[in-house]
Amino acid sequence: MKKVIFIIIAVFTINICFAKNKIDSLRTKEEVNKFLAEKIDSSYWSYSIFCSGCRTDSFYIVDINSDGSNDLIIDASRALVILDKGSGKYGSLNISANRYNGAIKLGDLTALVYYDSLWRYNEVEGIGWIDTIVYKYGMLFVYHANKHEHKINKLYYHAKDNYGCPSCLTFNIEIHEDGTSFLEFEGDDKINGRINEGLLNAINDEINALEFDTLSDQSNMDAGYSQAQLEIWYDDGKHKKIRDEEMESSLRLSGICEMFHGLLYMDLWKPIRK
């Protein structure tokens, strides 16, 4: 009898160890949208992230953070990565890209390959580039084979909401070269934070990939829209200020905007406002 009980327990344990997560069971767009409504945002009960008129309208299952559990990539009206965090919990990350083109291995990292057309910014369709996006330090970054060239002394990012919508935020983030950081929401006191060396290097790589010293100081400004401002102190004395309508005059700037918004919800701030 004890032997039978042991076998049952052993089989039950093996089934738990090798059980698939909820993402693995998704087969249709309807199932994906229901999953989003249940696990990510209840607003998906009232509309679908998929649309027949979208240039891309698919989903993919990939283990992006190499933890043995599959994650969900959505390439539709929005580009999202849904991460399995274990114990039935999931996290959502936005991507400023579309046209997913598969996953590749870059050393120990799994990279998502995107082709992103510049149709929003140019008259001619088809001009664009291929980006490889990797998950590191709790965020998504564009993979850069080359290390950054400029020494980044300080970063200041300001996002201003002119829409007046409840979910839009006006805030400032300040990052110093030793990782000391400050977060300030409109009308609130500054919150202290500390960014570790790995994440700081990844942020600096993203900033350098902008080739910011070649960008104009102001682009597509419109007082009727949300605005963003990025200031960079670098190379022990140089300074660059970029003001832009939502950082969207280029896809790289749009990615920087997503990066700073992503920092809001990381465990860096004491206390953190979510």
Protein backbone atom coordinates (compact mmCIF):
# COMPACT_ATOMS: atom_id res chain seq x y z
CA MET A 1 0.00 0.00 0.00
CA LYS A 2 2.80 2.39 0.88
CA LYS A 3 4.45 1.60 -2.45
CA VAL A 4 1.25 2.47 -4.35
CA ILE A 5 0.90 5.76 -2.47
CA PHE A 6 4.54 6.59 -3.19
CA ILE A 7 4.06 5.93 -6.92
CA ILE A 8 0.94 8.13 -7.00
CA ILE A 9 2.77 10.96 -5.21
CA ALA A 10 5.78 10.60 -7.52
CA VAL A 11 3.62 10.73 -10.66
CA PHE A 12 1.70 13.73 -9.29
CA THR A 13 5.00 15.51 -8.54
CA ILE A 14 6.33 14.82 -12.03
CA ASN A 15 3.12 16.17 -13.58
CA ILE A 16 3.49 19.39 -11.57
CA CYS A 17 7.12 19.81 -12.57
CA PHE A 18 6.35 19.38 -16.26
CA ALA A 19 2.94 21.08 -16.31
CA LYS A 20 2.57 23.70 -19.01
CA ASN A 21 1.60 27.25 -18.15
CA LYS A 22 -1.60 28.93 -19.29
CA ILE A 23 0.16 30.47 -22.27
CA ASP A 24 1.00 27.05 -23.73
CA SER A 25 -2.71 26.22 -24.00
CA LEU A 26 -3.59 29.26 -26.13
CA ARG A 27 -4.58 28.26 -29.65
CA THR A 28 -6.81 31.03 -31.07
CA LYS A 29 -6.97 34.81 -31.06
CA GLU A 30 -10.18 34.62 -29.08
CA GLU A 31 -8.41 32.57 -26.38
CA VAL A 32 -5.53 35.06 -26.33
CA ASN A 33 -7.86 38.03 -25.90
CA LYS A 34 -9.74 36.23 -23.10
CA PHE A 35 -6.40 35.49 -21.43
CA LEU A 36 -5.44 39.19 -21.64
CA ALA A 37 -8.78 40.20 -20.09
CA GLU A 38 -8.41 37.70 -17.24
CA LYS A 39 -4.71 38.11 -16.47
CA ILE A 40 -3.55 41.50 -17.76
CA ASP A 41 -6.27 44.12 -18.25
CA SER A 42 -10.03 43.68 -17.86
CA SER A 43 -10.64 46.28 -20.60
CA TYR A 44 -9.92 43.53 -23.15
CA TRP A 45 -13.38 42.13 -22.34
CA SER A 46 -14.81 45.09 -24.28
CA TYR A 47 -12.52 45.00 -27.32
CA SER A 48 -10.01 42.78 -29.08
CA ILE A 49 -6.32 43.52 -29.52
CA PHE A 50 -6.59 41.74 -32.87
CA CYS A 51 -8.06 43.41 -35.94
CA SER A 52 -8.44 42.26 -39.52
CA GLY A 53 -7.33 45.66 -40.82
CA CYS A 54 -4.03 45.71 -38.92
CA ARG A 55 -0.82 45.30 -40.90
CA THR A 56 0.14 42.55 -38.46
CA ASP A 57 -2.39 40.41 -36.61
CA SER A 58 -0.80 37.37 -34.97
CA PHE A 59 0.52 35.90 -31.73
CA TYR A 60 3.52 33.69 -30.94
CA ILE A 61 4.69 31.59 -27.99
CA VAL A 62 8.40 31.91 -27.14
CA ASP A 63 10.51 31.62 -23.97
CA ILE A 64 12.02 35.09 -24.20
CA ASN A 65 13.76 35.18 -20.79
CA SER A 66 15.11 31.60 -20.93
CA ASP A 67 13.52 30.55 -17.63
CA GLY A 68 11.93 27.36 -18.96
CA SER A 69 8.41 28.84 -19.18
CA ASN A 70 6.97 30.12 -22.42
CA ASP A 71 5.90 33.74 -22.87
CA LEU A 72 3.42 35.33 -25.24
CA ILE A 73 4.26 37.71 -28.09
CA ILE A 74 1.39 39.68 -29.60
CA ASP A 75 1.88 41.51 -32.89
CA ALA A 76 -1.46 43.13 -33.68
CA SER A 77 -3.04 46.54 -33.00
CA ARG A 78 -0.45 46.73 -30.20
CA ALA A 79 2.91 45.00 -29.84
CA LEU A 80 3.11 43.30 -26.44
CA VAL A 81 5.22 40.74 -24.64
CA ILE A 82 3.42 38.87 -21.83
CA LEU A 83 5.92 37.30 -19.43
CA ASP A 84 5.16 34.27 -17.27
CA LYS A 85 6.41 35.22 -13.80
CA GLY A 86 5.45 31.91 -12.22
CA SER A 87 2.74 30.96 -9.70
CA GLY A 88 0.04 32.03 -12.16
CA LYS A 89 1.30 35.61 -12.37
CA TYR A 90 2.02 37.46 -15.61
CA GLY A 91 3.58 40.79 -16.60
CA SER A 92 3.04 42.95 -19.69
CA LEU A 93 5.70 44.90 -21.60
CA ASN A 94 5.12 47.20 -24.59
CA ILE A 95 7.30 47.13 -27.70
CA SER A 96 7.72 50.15 -29.96
CA ALA A 97 7.90 47.94 -33.02
CA ASN A 98 5.83 45.67 -35.21
CA ARG A 99 6.23 42.98 -37.87
CA TYR A 100 7.63 40.24 -35.66
CA ASN A 101 9.99 38.01 -37.65
CA GLY A 102 10.94 35.20 -35.28
CA ALA A 103 13.36 34.59 -32.41
CA ILE A 104 17.10 33.91 -32.52
CA LYS A 105 19.76 33.05 -29.93
CA LEU A 106 22.43 35.63 -29.14
CA GLY A 107 24.72 33.83 -26.72
CA ASP A 108 22.63 33.14 -23.62
CA LEU A 109 19.93 35.59 -24.71
CA THR A 110 16.81 34.96 -26.77
CA ALA A 111 16.26 37.89 -29.12
CA LEU A 112 13.01 38.86 -30.82
CA VAL A 113 13.56 40.04 -34.38
CA TYR A 114 11.35 42.85 -35.66
CA TYR A 115 11.15 44.68 -38.96
CA ASP A 116 9.61 48.08 -38.36
CA SER A 117 8.56 50.22 -41.32
CA LEU A 118 8.91 53.98 -41.05
CA TRP A 119 5.54 54.53 -42.68
CA ARG A 120 4.52 56.93 -39.89
CA TYR A 121 7.43 59.24 -40.58
CA ASN A 122 8.10 59.01 -44.30
CA GLU A 123 6.11 59.34 -47.49
CA VAL A 124 7.63 56.18 -48.93
CA GLU A 125 6.50 52.79 -47.60
CA GLY A 126 9.13 50.15 -47.02
CA ILE A 127 11.96 52.20 -45.53
CA GLY A 128 12.93 50.67 -42.21
CA TRP A 129 15.37 48.53 -40.26
CA ILE A 130 15.59 45.26 -38.41
CA ASP A 131 15.82 45.39 -34.62
CA THR A 132 16.65 42.56 -32.26
CA ILE A 133 15.00 42.99 -28.87
CA VAL A 134 16.19 41.17 -25.74
CA TYR A 135 14.86 40.88 -22.19
CA LYS A 136 17.38 42.00 -19.53
CA TYR A 137 17.09 43.34 -15.98
CA GLY A 138 13.30 43.19 -16.06
CA MET A 139 12.95 45.28 -19.24
CA LEU A 140 13.11 44.97 -23.02
CA PHE A 141 16.12 46.47 -24.80
CA VAL A 142 17.30 46.67 -28.39
CA TYR A 143 20.37 44.43 -28.66
CA HIS A 144 23.56 46.31 -29.50
CA ALA A 145 26.66 44.32 -30.41
CA ASN A 146 28.90 47.33 -29.86
CA LYS A 147 29.44 48.89 -26.45
CA HIS A 148 28.44 52.50 -25.96
CA GLU A 149 30.91 55.16 -27.04
CA HIS A 150 29.95 58.20 -24.98
CA LYS A 151 30.34 58.31 -21.23
CA ILE A 152 26.92 59.18 -19.82
CA ASN A 153 27.21 61.41 -16.74
CA LYS A 154 23.53 62.17 -16.17
CA LEU A 155 20.12 61.62 -17.77
CA TYR A 156 16.97 63.65 -17.25
CA TYR A 157 13.65 62.60 -18.79
CA HIS A 158 10.46 64.65 -18.54
CA ALA A 159 7.07 63.47 -19.81
CA LYS A 160 4.22 65.98 -19.86
CA ASP A 161 0.58 65.00 -20.35
CA ASN A 162 -1.47 67.52 -22.30
CA TYR A 163 -4.39 65.12 -22.86
CA GLY A 164 -5.71 65.23 -19.30
CA CYS A 165 -6.53 61.51 -19.31
CA PRO A 166 -6.46 59.73 -15.91
CA SER A 167 -3.95 57.08 -17.04
CA CYS A 168 -1.50 59.59 -18.58
CA LEU A 169 1.28 60.72 -16.26
CA THR A 170 3.41 63.82 -15.97
CA PHE A 171 6.70 62.87 -14.35
CA ASN A 172 10.46 63.37 -14.27
CA ILE A 173 13.22 60.75 -13.96
CA GLU A 174 16.82 61.73 -13.21
CA ILE A 175 19.65 59.16 -13.40
CA HIS A 176 23.25 59.84 -12.36
CA GLU A 177 26.31 57.91 -13.52
CA ASP A 178 26.67 56.09 -10.18
CA GLY A 179 23.08 54.79 -10.42
CA THR A 180 21.60 57.32 -7.99
CA SER A 181 18.15 58.16 -9.34
CA PHE A 182 15.15 60.36 -8.62
CA LEU A 183 11.52 60.01 -9.65
CA GLU A 184 9.01 62.86 -9.33
CA PHE A 185 5.34 62.84 -10.28
CA GLU A 186 3.59 66.15 -10.86
CA GLY A 187 2.62 67.61 -7.49
CA ASP A 188 4.55 65.00 -5.48
CA ASP A 189 7.90 64.99 -3.68
CA LYS A 190 10.95 63.36 -5.24
CA ILE A 191 11.40 59.63 -4.62
CA ASN A 192 14.92 58.24 -4.26
CA GLY A 193 16.03 55.21 -6.22
CA ARG A 194 19.10 53.16 -7.06
CA ILE A 195 19.77 51.53 -10.44
CA ASN A 196 22.19 48.61 -10.42
CA GLU A 197 25.24 48.53 -12.68
CA GLY A 198 23.82 46.03 -15.18
CA LEU A 199 20.62 47.96 -15.76
CA LEU A 200 22.52 51.25 -15.87
CA ASN A 201 24.85 49.93 -18.58
CA ALA A 202 21.86 48.68 -20.59
CA ILE A 203 20.18 52.11 -20.33
CA ASN A 204 23.39 53.84 -21.43
CA ASP A 205 23.67 51.46 -24.39
CA GLU A 206 20.14 52.44 -25.44
CA ILE A 207 20.95 56.14 -25.15
CA ASN A 208 24.14 55.79 -27.17
CA ALA A 209 22.36 53.78 -29.86
CA LEU A 210 20.30 56.91 -30.54
CA GLU A 211 23.43 58.60 -31.90
CA PHE A 212 21.95 61.50 -29.98
CA ASP A 213 24.72 63.91 -30.90
CA THR A 214 23.41 63.84 -34.49
CA LEU A 215 19.75 64.53 -33.59
CA SER A 216 18.13 67.95 -33.75
CA ASP A 217 17.24 69.61 -30.46
CA GLN A 218 13.56 69.85 -31.33
CA SER A 219 11.32 67.80 -33.61
CA ASN A 220 7.60 67.78 -34.42
CA MET A 221 6.62 69.77 -31.34
CA ASP A 222 2.91 70.42 -30.96
CA ALA A 223 1.52 72.03 -27.80
CA GLY A 224 -1.73 70.10 -28.21
CA TYR A 225 -0.12 66.72 -27.61
CA SER A 226 1.81 64.94 -24.90
CA GLN A 227 5.43 65.99 -24.93
CA ALA A 228 8.69 64.48 -23.81
CA GLN A 229 12.09 65.97 -23.14
CA LEU A 230 15.38 64.11 -22.82
CA GLU A 231 18.55 65.77 -21.54
CA ILE A 232 21.92 64.03 -21.65
CA TRP A 233 25.09 65.16 -19.90
CA TYR A 234 28.01 63.21 -21.33
CA ASP A 235 31.77 63.01 -21.82
CA ASP A 236 32.42 65.06 -18.65
CA GLY A 237 31.10 68.41 -19.83
CA LYS A 238 28.94 68.05 -22.95
CA HIS A 239 25.16 68.49 -22.93
CA LYS A 240 22.34 67.55 -25.33
CA LYS A 241 18.64 68.40 -25.02
CA ILE A 242 15.99 66.74 -27.21
CA ARG A 243 12.36 67.89 -27.08
CA ASP A 244 9.86 65.86 -29.01
CA GLU A 245 6.19 65.09 -29.39
CA GLU A 246 6.01 61.82 -27.40
CA MET A 247 9.55 61.01 -28.58
CA GLU A 248 8.03 59.75 -31.83
CA SER A 249 9.94 61.56 -34.56
CA SER A 250 11.95 58.33 -34.80
CA LEU A 251 11.36 54.76 -33.70
CA ARG A 252 14.52 54.86 -31.59
CA LEU A 253 13.19 57.84 -29.64
CA SER A 254 9.86 56.07 -29.23
CA GLY A 255 11.74 53.12 -27.71
CA ILE A 256 13.50 55.47 -25.26
CA CYS A 257 10.10 56.79 -24.21
CA GLU A 258 8.92 53.22 -23.52
CA MET A 259 12.10 52.53 -21.55
CA PHE A 260 11.64 55.46 -19.15
CA HIS A 261 7.95 54.64 -18.69
CA GLY A 262 8.97 51.06 -17.92
CA LEU A 263 11.28 52.28 -15.14
CA LEU A 264 8.24 53.66 -13.31
CA TYR A 265 7.03 50.19 -12.44
CA MET A 266 10.29 48.55 -11.48
CA ASP A 267 11.28 47.89 -7.88
CA LEU A 268 13.71 50.81 -7.80
CA TRP A 269 11.79 53.45 -5.88
CA LYS A 270 10.95 53.81 -2.22
CA PRO A 271 8.03 54.18 -2.08
CA ILE A 272 6.93 53.33 -5.62
CA ARG A 273 3.70 54.70 -7.03
CA LYS A 274 1.82 52.24 -9.24
